[in-house]
Amino acid sequence: MKKQFLVLLFLLLVMVASFFSCQKDDPANVTNEIHYPSDITFHSLEQRLTENGWKEFALGNYAQAIDSFHLATQTNSLYIDAFNGLGWTYARMDSLEKALYYLTVCMVSADNEQVYKDARAGRSFVNLALNEYVKAIEDVDAVILEQFEYYYNYKDYAFRHDASISSSDLVLVVAESYFMVGNYPACYEALFWIDDSIEETNNPEELAMIIEQLKQTI
């Protein structure tokens, strides 16, 4: 009886040792790793953080938006829409160099067409503010310029996170950029696309006045 008891005790100790050994080798049990609830994957977490960032962005809570977008990029450094959010938010905060950096990060891939277009649209405003007029025009063209058989035309666009930003706003970026480099005929053509009731003019003062009026109305 005593012998059987010792055998059972030995087997029990072996099982316990084996259990703790498995626990130690399992990466999930390493105490210095970050753990998330089992019902949240890394993918859904980065999406939730980014969506929350855009909600704060829409409310004008830019500091909170920045925090949420940064957490999303730390969760997944390849989640482009979080960088897009950082770029747009820093632009709203007039941190133009940071905005340019994060929006340019989004240019690494055009696989997600909508995010790519939103980032280039945002970068067009930033480049205009930085006096990079040619680059601003290139950004707009990448978003809304469409080639037909014999000519080019602008197509519709709306920013997903601010419905007030549309193709007209981007074409106005083009008009301002052409105005600033002294290409007044091209400036007028862009303005005419926005409002075809504008009478043709290459007069700088008249064009400047039209641009300012459109800024207030579109």
Protein backbone atom coordinates (compact mmCIF):
# COMPACT_ATOMS: atom_id res chain seq x y z
CA MET A 1 0.00 0.00 0.00
CA LYS A 2 2.77 2.36 0.92
CA LYS A 3 4.54 1.51 -2.32
CA GLN A 4 1.44 2.31 -4.35
CA PHE A 5 1.06 5.59 -2.51
CA LEU A 6 4.64 6.58 -3.34
CA VAL A 7 4.14 5.68 -7.01
CA LEU A 8 1.00 7.82 -7.18
CA LEU A 9 2.77 10.71 -5.44
CA PHE A 10 5.65 10.47 -7.91
CA LEU A 11 3.28 10.51 -10.91
CA LEU A 12 1.46 13.50 -9.47
CA LEU A 13 4.70 15.45 -9.05
CA VAL A 14 5.70 14.67 -12.63
CA MET A 15 2.33 15.91 -13.92
CA VAL A 16 2.58 19.14 -11.91
CA ALA A 17 6.15 19.77 -13.13
CA SER A 18 5.07 19.10 -16.70
CA PHE A 19 2.14 21.53 -16.34
CA PHE A 20 4.30 24.39 -15.08
CA SER A 21 6.89 23.67 -17.75
CA CYS A 22 4.27 24.06 -20.48
CA GLN A 23 3.01 27.24 -18.88
CA LYS A 24 6.51 28.71 -18.90
CA ASP A 25 7.15 27.88 -22.56
CA ASP A 26 3.83 29.31 -23.77
CA PRO A 27 4.46 32.87 -25.11
CA ALA A 28 1.00 33.89 -23.92
CA ASN A 29 2.22 33.54 -20.36
CA VAL A 30 5.21 35.83 -20.64
CA THR A 31 4.41 38.57 -18.17
CA ASN A 32 6.03 41.45 -20.05
CA GLU A 33 3.82 41.01 -23.12
CA ILE A 34 0.78 43.18 -23.77
CA HIS A 35 -2.49 41.29 -23.48
CA TYR A 36 -5.82 42.23 -25.04
CA PRO A 37 -9.28 40.77 -24.39
CA SER A 38 -9.72 37.51 -26.28
CA ASP A 39 -12.66 38.85 -28.30
CA ILE A 40 -10.56 41.69 -29.80
CA THR A 41 -8.02 40.93 -32.47
CA PHE A 42 -5.15 43.27 -33.37
CA HIS A 43 -6.97 44.10 -36.61
CA SER A 44 -10.24 45.06 -34.94
CA LEU A 45 -8.40 46.99 -32.25
CA GLU A 46 -6.53 49.18 -34.74
CA GLN A 47 -9.77 49.75 -36.62
CA ARG A 48 -11.60 50.75 -33.45
CA LEU A 49 -8.82 53.11 -32.42
CA THR A 50 -8.78 54.70 -35.88
CA GLU A 51 -12.55 55.02 -36.01
CA ASN A 52 -12.48 56.67 -32.60
CA GLY A 53 -9.78 59.03 -33.87
CA TRP A 54 -11.97 60.08 -36.77
CA LYS A 55 -14.91 60.64 -34.41
CA GLU A 56 -12.79 62.96 -32.27
CA PHE A 57 -11.53 64.63 -35.46
CA ALA A 58 -15.12 65.35 -36.55
CA LEU A 59 -15.86 66.86 -33.14
CA GLY A 60 -12.80 69.08 -33.32
CA ASN A 61 -11.12 67.26 -30.43
CA TYR A 62 -7.78 67.13 -32.18
CA ALA A 63 -5.57 66.23 -29.21
CA GLN A 64 -7.76 63.21 -28.45
CA ALA A 65 -7.80 62.27 -32.14
CA ILE A 66 -4.00 62.38 -32.26
CA ASP A 67 -3.77 60.08 -29.22
CA SER A 68 -6.14 57.54 -30.74
CA PHE A 69 -4.44 57.54 -34.14
CA HIS A 70 -1.03 57.13 -32.52
CA LEU A 71 -2.26 54.13 -30.54
CA ALA A 72 -3.58 52.62 -33.76
CA THR A 73 -0.20 52.98 -35.48
CA GLN A 74 1.51 51.42 -32.46
CA THR A 75 -0.88 48.49 -32.65
CA ASN A 76 -0.24 48.03 -36.36
CA SER A 77 2.42 50.13 -38.07
CA LEU A 78 1.01 49.17 -41.48
CA TYR A 79 -2.51 50.48 -40.88
CA ILE A 80 -2.44 53.36 -43.35
CA ASP A 81 -5.72 55.05 -42.42
CA ALA A 82 -4.34 55.81 -38.96
CA PHE A 83 -1.44 57.71 -40.56
CA ASN A 84 -3.97 59.42 -42.80
CA GLY A 85 -5.83 60.51 -39.67
CA LEU A 86 -2.64 61.85 -38.12
CA GLY A 87 -1.91 63.84 -41.26
CA TRP A 88 -5.33 65.43 -41.51
CA THR A 89 -5.47 66.18 -37.79
CA TYR A 90 -2.05 67.82 -37.68
CA ALA A 91 -3.08 69.85 -40.74
CA ARG A 92 -6.13 71.11 -38.83
CA MET A 93 -3.79 72.02 -35.99
CA ASP A 94 -1.53 73.93 -38.44
CA SER A 95 1.37 71.58 -37.72
CA LEU A 96 2.15 71.49 -41.42
CA GLU A 97 5.47 69.64 -41.38
CA LYS A 98 4.03 66.84 -39.27
CA ALA A 99 0.95 66.74 -41.48
CA LEU A 100 3.10 66.50 -44.59
CA TYR A 101 5.12 63.67 -43.07
CA TYR A 102 2.17 61.50 -42.08
CA LEU A 103 0.23 62.10 -45.29
CA THR A 104 3.32 61.22 -47.31
CA VAL A 105 3.63 57.96 -45.37
CA CYS A 106 0.29 57.02 -46.95
CA MET A 107 1.81 57.30 -50.42
CA VAL A 108 3.72 54.03 -50.00
CA SER A 109 0.76 52.14 -51.46
CA ALA A 110 -2.35 52.88 -53.49
CA ASP A 111 -3.87 49.47 -52.70
CA ASN A 112 -6.56 51.14 -50.60
CA GLU A 113 -7.69 53.66 -53.18
CA GLN A 114 -9.98 55.68 -50.94
CA VAL A 115 -7.39 56.16 -48.18
CA TYR A 116 -4.77 57.00 -50.79
CA LYS A 117 -7.04 59.66 -52.34
CA ASP A 118 -7.96 61.11 -48.95
CA ALA A 119 -4.28 61.38 -48.04
CA ARG A 120 -3.34 63.06 -51.32
CA ALA A 121 -6.28 65.43 -51.01
CA GLY A 122 -5.11 66.41 -47.54
CA ARG A 123 -1.56 66.79 -48.76
CA SER A 124 -2.70 69.17 -51.53
CA PHE A 125 -3.95 71.63 -48.89
CA VAL A 126 -0.73 71.24 -46.92
CA ASN A 127 1.48 71.77 -49.98
CA LEU A 128 -0.51 74.88 -50.90
CA ALA A 129 0.03 76.25 -47.38
CA LEU A 130 3.75 75.45 -47.66
CA ASN A 131 3.94 77.31 -51.01
CA GLU A 132 4.68 74.06 -52.85
CA TYR A 133 2.33 74.96 -55.69
CA VAL A 134 3.40 72.42 -58.31
CA LYS A 135 3.20 69.61 -55.75
CA ALA A 136 -0.25 70.80 -54.65
CA ILE A 137 -1.49 70.60 -58.24
CA GLU A 138 0.02 67.13 -58.66
CA ASP A 139 -1.76 65.93 -55.53
CA VAL A 140 -5.11 67.22 -56.73
CA ASP A 141 -4.63 65.72 -60.18
CA ALA A 142 -3.94 62.32 -58.63
CA VAL A 143 -7.27 62.48 -56.80
CA ILE A 144 -9.76 63.92 -59.29
CA LEU A 145 -8.21 64.29 -62.76
CA GLU A 146 -9.70 61.84 -65.22
CA GLN A 147 -8.45 61.24 -68.74
CA PHE A 148 -10.96 60.80 -71.53
CA GLU A 149 -10.15 59.98 -75.13
CA TYR A 150 -9.07 63.46 -76.18
CA TYR A 151 -9.14 65.56 -73.05
CA TYR A 152 -8.92 65.68 -69.25
CA ASN A 153 -11.62 66.64 -66.80
CA TYR A 154 -12.14 66.69 -63.06
CA LYS A 155 -14.35 64.06 -61.47
CA ASP A 156 -16.35 63.97 -58.27
CA TYR A 157 -14.68 63.48 -54.92
CA ALA A 158 -15.81 63.78 -51.30
CA PHE A 159 -13.64 63.40 -48.22
CA ARG A 160 -15.01 60.51 -46.14
CA HIS A 161 -14.60 62.29 -42.81
CA ASP A 162 -15.79 65.79 -43.73
CA ALA A 163 -18.58 65.97 -46.29
CA SER A 164 -17.96 69.68 -46.80
CA ILE A 165 -14.67 68.93 -48.61
CA SER A 166 -15.32 68.06 -52.24
CA SER A 167 -13.86 68.28 -55.73
CA SER A 168 -14.60 72.02 -55.80
CA ASP A 169 -12.30 72.59 -52.83
CA LEU A 170 -9.51 70.66 -54.54
CA VAL A 171 -9.95 72.52 -57.84
CA LEU A 172 -9.77 75.75 -55.86
CA VAL A 173 -6.37 74.54 -54.60
CA VAL A 174 -5.37 74.18 -58.26
CA ALA A 175 -6.69 77.66 -59.09
CA GLU A 176 -4.80 79.24 -56.18
CA SER A 177 -1.63 77.39 -57.10
CA TYR A 178 -1.78 78.50 -60.73
CA PHE A 179 -2.50 82.04 -59.55
CA MET A 180 0.55 82.03 -57.29
CA VAL A 181 2.88 80.91 -60.11
CA GLY A 182 1.39 83.53 -62.46
CA ASN A 183 -0.44 81.16 -64.81
CA TYR A 184 -3.64 83.21 -64.95
CA PRO A 185 -5.31 81.45 -67.91
CA ALA A 186 -4.99 78.08 -66.13
CA CYS A 187 -6.25 79.73 -62.93
CA TYR A 188 -9.35 80.95 -64.75
CA GLU A 189 -10.00 77.53 -66.29
CA ALA A 190 -9.96 75.94 -62.84
CA LEU A 191 -12.30 78.60 -61.46
CA PHE A 192 -14.63 78.16 -64.44
CA TRP A 193 -14.90 74.44 -63.64
CA ILE A 194 -16.15 75.37 -60.17
CA ASP A 195 -18.58 78.01 -61.44
CA ASP A 196 -19.26 78.23 -65.17
CA SER A 197 -20.97 81.58 -64.73
CA ILE A 198 -17.60 83.29 -64.08
CA GLU A 199 -16.73 85.61 -66.93
CA GLU A 200 -13.40 84.99 -68.59
CA THR A 201 -10.56 87.11 -67.26
CA ASN A 202 -6.80 86.98 -66.89
CA ASN A 203 -6.69 90.03 -64.65
CA PRO A 204 -4.85 89.11 -61.41
CA GLU A 205 -6.95 91.39 -59.22
CA GLU A 206 -10.21 90.01 -60.59
CA LEU A 207 -9.01 86.44 -60.25
CA ALA A 208 -7.89 87.05 -56.67
CA MET A 209 -11.32 88.48 -55.85
CA ILE A 210 -13.07 85.45 -57.39
CA ILE A 211 -10.88 83.08 -55.43
CA GLU A 212 -11.69 84.81 -52.15
CA GLN A 213 -15.41 84.78 -52.95
CA LEU A 214 -15.35 81.07 -53.74
CA LYS A 215 -13.53 80.35 -50.48
CA GLN A 216 -16.55 81.77 -48.68
CA THR A 217 -19.17 79.91 -50.70
CA ILE A 218 -17.95 76.39 -51.49
